[in-house]
Amino acid sequence: MVGATVGVRLKNLPSALYWGGMRVHGILNDATLSREDAIAAEVDRVHARRPASADYEDESAVWHSGAFHPTLPPVPAGFPAEVPDGFALPRAEAAWLRDRMLASAPDTMLEYALHHRPDTNSAVPWEDSVLMSADGERRGVLDDARRFSILMNGASLPTADSAQPSSPYSGPRPTNPKPHSDWTTKRVPLNSDTAANLDRSLPVGATAST
């Protein structure tokens, strides 16, 4: 589920993913259509009348395709108020979506995965025993995905420069910082006693210099 963890802090809405997928896989007749334009085209399709033409011979052909693929399955009864099966697709709808993906993604890892069902117990694609049997450029996609995952996870880790809630330095940097002498309010003379205490406070491997 998109946003199940971050909740209201979600930046990329699920609709952005859905519409992106419909453009890529040819479910939208025109990939440049915005969501508003697609809805307007569908409204126009629903209210349009079949033109009277003596040249029109095929009564079963699509004469007004609207915004979406002409073979798009019909909306299920009761949707969206009633969705008894949740995200589970009927076999006919799943087969239709599979055909769209195969037609739009030839010679890709997606095509390979559609022809060779991945192992449901695999945690990540690049460790899937079925997908790893692919060769050529499709096998290289798995290596790219693994590297990209490492990169993104590494970028999300906190760094020394990232502000921590418990740090006294969190927040914006001062525009006119004070000189170092202003921050030093108490000077401690360095003698044998303070040097001994200093040595005990140093990290392992560090030494005090006079």
Protein backbone atom coordinates (compact mmCIF):
# COMPACT_ATOMS: atom_id res chain seq x y z
CA MET A 1 0.00 0.00 0.00
CA VAL A 2 1.38 3.38 -1.01
CA GLY A 3 1.64 5.68 2.00
CA ALA A 4 0.93 3.01 4.61
CA THR A 5 3.97 4.09 6.62
CA VAL A 6 4.24 7.86 6.16
CA GLY A 7 0.49 8.58 6.08
CA VAL A 8 -0.37 12.24 5.53
CA ARG A 9 3.32 13.04 4.91
CA LEU A 10 3.17 11.18 1.59
CA LYS A 11 4.54 13.37 -1.22
CA ASN A 12 3.85 11.26 -4.34
CA LEU A 13 0.17 10.29 -4.45
CA PRO A 14 -0.84 6.83 -5.71
CA SER A 15 -2.71 8.45 -8.60
CA ALA A 16 0.62 9.71 -9.99
CA LEU A 17 1.84 6.11 -10.17
CA TYR A 18 -1.40 4.83 -11.69
CA TRP A 19 -1.56 7.48 -14.40
CA GLY A 20 2.12 7.01 -15.17
CA GLY A 21 1.52 3.30 -15.65
CA MET A 22 -1.50 3.89 -17.88
CA ARG A 23 0.59 6.15 -20.12
CA VAL A 24 3.51 3.74 -20.34
CA HIS A 25 1.40 0.67 -21.11
CA GLY A 26 -0.91 2.25 -23.64
CA ILE A 27 -4.04 2.22 -21.52
CA LEU A 28 -4.37 5.90 -22.34
CA ASN A 29 -4.78 6.43 -26.07
CA ASP A 30 -2.66 9.57 -25.90
CA ALA A 31 0.18 9.58 -23.38
CA THR A 32 0.23 13.37 -23.36
CA LEU A 33 -3.32 13.64 -22.02
CA SER A 34 -3.66 15.09 -18.55
CA ARG A 35 -6.06 13.53 -16.08
CA GLU A 36 -8.53 16.37 -16.62
CA ASP A 37 -8.37 15.99 -20.41
CA ALA A 38 -8.86 12.24 -20.16
CA ILE A 39 -11.94 12.64 -17.99
CA ALA A 40 -13.36 15.25 -20.39
CA ALA A 41 -12.75 12.91 -23.35
CA GLU A 42 -14.58 10.09 -21.58
CA VAL A 43 -17.53 12.32 -20.78
CA ASP A 44 -17.64 13.31 -24.43
CA ARG A 45 -17.51 9.66 -25.49
CA VAL A 46 -20.38 8.69 -23.20
CA HIS A 47 -22.64 11.50 -24.43
CA ALA A 48 -21.70 11.30 -28.11
CA ARG A 49 -24.05 9.68 -30.61
CA ARG A 50 -23.07 7.21 -33.31
CA PRO A 51 -22.73 9.19 -36.58
CA ALA A 52 -25.12 8.34 -39.37
CA SER A 53 -22.89 7.27 -42.25
CA ALA A 54 -23.53 5.02 -45.21
CA ASP A 55 -19.84 4.07 -45.16
CA TYR A 56 -20.04 2.67 -41.66
CA GLU A 57 -20.26 -1.10 -42.12
CA ASP A 58 -18.76 -2.74 -39.03
CA GLU A 59 -21.33 -2.37 -36.27
CA SER A 60 -18.99 -3.92 -33.69
CA ALA A 61 -16.00 -1.66 -34.39
CA VAL A 62 -15.03 1.12 -32.03
CA TRP A 63 -16.17 4.42 -33.51
CA HIS A 64 -15.31 6.68 -30.58
CA SER A 65 -12.34 5.52 -28.51
CA GLY A 66 -12.39 8.30 -25.94
CA ALA A 67 -9.33 8.65 -23.70
CA PHE A 68 -8.69 5.00 -22.90
CA HIS A 69 -7.88 1.85 -24.83
CA PRO A 70 -11.00 0.72 -26.72
CA THR A 71 -10.87 -2.77 -25.17
CA LEU A 72 -10.71 -1.49 -21.58
CA PRO A 73 -12.91 -3.77 -19.43
CA PRO A 74 -16.12 -2.21 -18.09
CA VAL A 75 -16.35 -0.73 -14.60
CA PRO A 76 -17.39 -3.43 -12.08
CA ALA A 77 -20.90 -3.20 -10.70
CA GLY A 78 -21.08 -1.13 -7.52
CA PHE A 79 -17.62 0.38 -7.95
CA PRO A 80 -16.24 2.37 -6.15
CA ALA A 81 -18.77 2.20 -3.31
CA GLU A 82 -18.48 -1.60 -3.23
CA VAL A 83 -15.21 -3.43 -3.83
CA PRO A 84 -15.75 -6.88 -2.28
CA ASP A 85 -12.54 -8.39 -3.70
CA GLY A 86 -10.29 -5.45 -2.89
CA PHE A 87 -7.29 -5.22 -5.22
CA ALA A 88 -7.75 -8.76 -6.53
CA LEU A 89 -8.40 -8.70 -10.30
CA PRO A 90 -10.75 -11.12 -12.03
CA ARG A 91 -8.88 -13.44 -14.38
CA ALA A 92 -10.21 -11.64 -17.48
CA GLU A 93 -9.05 -8.23 -16.24
CA ALA A 94 -5.66 -9.59 -15.18
CA ALA A 95 -5.18 -11.15 -18.63
CA TRP A 96 -6.11 -7.84 -20.29
CA LEU A 97 -3.60 -5.90 -18.18
CA ARG A 98 -0.95 -8.53 -18.86
CA ASP A 99 -1.47 -8.18 -22.61
CA ARG A 100 -1.08 -4.40 -22.40
CA MET A 101 2.20 -4.78 -20.50
CA LEU A 102 3.55 -7.35 -22.94
CA ALA A 103 2.68 -5.14 -25.90
CA SER A 104 4.32 -2.05 -24.41
CA ALA A 105 7.45 -3.60 -22.88
CA PRO A 106 9.06 -6.05 -25.33
CA ASP A 107 12.49 -7.48 -24.48
CA THR A 108 12.41 -6.11 -20.93
CA MET A 109 12.64 -7.61 -17.47
CA LEU A 110 8.92 -6.90 -17.06
CA GLU A 111 8.18 -9.08 -20.08
CA TYR A 112 10.44 -11.81 -18.67
CA ALA A 113 8.67 -11.67 -15.29
CA LEU A 114 5.28 -11.93 -16.96
CA HIS A 115 6.39 -15.07 -18.81
CA HIS A 116 8.28 -16.52 -15.82
CA ARG A 117 6.43 -16.06 -12.55
CA PRO A 118 8.83 -14.80 -9.83
CA ASP A 119 9.22 -16.62 -6.53
CA THR A 120 6.71 -15.16 -4.06
CA ASN A 121 9.18 -15.75 -1.21
CA SER A 122 11.87 -13.50 -2.71
CA ALA A 123 12.52 -10.36 -0.67
CA VAL A 124 14.05 -8.37 -3.56
CA PRO A 125 14.08 -8.92 -7.34
CA TRP A 126 17.88 -9.27 -7.64
CA GLU A 127 17.81 -12.27 -5.29
CA ASP A 128 14.89 -14.00 -7.01
CA SER A 129 15.98 -17.38 -8.35
CA VAL A 130 13.58 -17.16 -11.30
CA LEU A 131 14.48 -13.63 -12.40
CA MET A 132 18.21 -14.30 -11.97
CA SER A 133 17.94 -16.89 -14.75
CA ALA A 134 17.44 -14.07 -17.27
CA ASP A 135 20.41 -13.17 -19.42
CA GLY A 136 21.78 -10.26 -21.40
CA GLU A 137 20.52 -6.75 -20.80
CA ARG A 138 17.58 -7.98 -18.75
CA ARG A 139 19.94 -9.57 -16.23
CA GLY A 140 21.84 -6.29 -16.09
CA VAL A 141 18.67 -4.52 -15.00
CA LEU A 142 18.72 -6.55 -11.78
CA ASP A 143 22.26 -5.37 -11.03
CA ASP A 144 21.22 -1.78 -11.71
CA ALA A 145 18.23 -2.17 -9.38
CA ARG A 146 20.45 -3.53 -6.60
CA ARG A 147 22.90 -0.63 -6.93
CA PHE A 148 20.08 1.89 -7.03
CA SER A 149 18.57 0.41 -3.87
CA ILE A 150 21.91 0.69 -2.07
CA LEU A 151 22.29 4.27 -3.25
CA MET A 152 18.82 5.32 -2.12
CA ASN A 153 19.14 3.62 1.25
CA GLY A 154 22.53 5.21 1.77
CA ALA A 155 21.17 8.64 0.90
CA SER A 156 18.49 8.29 3.57
CA LEU A 157 20.97 7.62 6.38
CA PRO A 158 21.74 10.52 8.77
CA THR A 159 25.05 12.28 8.24
CA ALA A 160 27.25 14.51 10.38
CA ASP A 161 25.74 17.56 8.70
CA SER A 162 22.12 16.51 9.18
CA ALA A 163 20.32 18.26 12.04
CA GLN A 164 19.40 15.97 14.92
CA PRO A 165 16.53 16.92 17.27
CA SER A 166 18.72 16.48 20.36
CA SER A 167 21.67 18.43 18.96
CA PRO A 168 22.32 21.97 20.23
CA TYR A 169 23.34 22.86 16.69
CA SER A 170 20.05 21.89 15.06
CA GLY A 171 18.22 24.63 13.23
CA PRO A 172 19.41 27.31 10.82
CA ARG A 173 23.01 28.43 10.95
CA PRO A 174 23.60 31.95 12.29
CA THR A 175 24.07 34.57 9.61
CA ASN A 176 26.64 36.47 11.68
CA PRO A 177 28.39 33.93 13.92
CA LYS A 178 30.41 35.11 16.89
CA PRO A 179 34.20 34.80 16.82
CA HIS A 180 35.71 31.89 18.69
CA SER A 181 36.97 34.12 21.50
CA ASP A 182 33.40 35.18 22.34
CA TRP A 183 32.33 31.56 22.82
CA THR A 184 35.26 30.84 25.21
CA THR A 185 34.04 32.22 28.52
CA LYS A 186 36.36 30.30 30.83
CA ARG A 187 39.96 29.41 30.16
CA VAL A 188 41.49 26.52 32.08
CA PRO A 189 45.28 26.60 32.58
CA LEU A 190 47.06 23.49 31.33
CA ASN A 191 49.05 21.86 34.15
CA SER A 192 49.80 18.32 35.22
CA ASP A 193 46.35 17.84 36.80
CA THR A 194 44.32 19.20 33.89
CA ALA A 195 46.53 17.34 31.41
CA ALA A 196 45.82 14.07 33.20
CA ASN A 197 42.08 14.75 33.07
CA LEU A 198 42.40 15.75 29.42
CA ASP A 199 44.14 12.49 28.55
CA ARG A 200 41.31 10.49 30.12
CA SER A 201 38.69 12.41 28.10
CA LEU A 202 40.39 11.91 24.74
CA PRO A 203 39.19 9.26 22.31
CA VAL A 204 41.18 6.06 21.99
CA GLY A 205 44.33 6.64 19.96
CA ALA A 206 44.38 10.45 20.44
CA THR A 207 47.05 12.34 22.36
CA ALA A 208 47.11 15.69 24.11
CA SER A 209 49.54 18.35 22.94
CA THR A 210 50.76 21.28 25.00
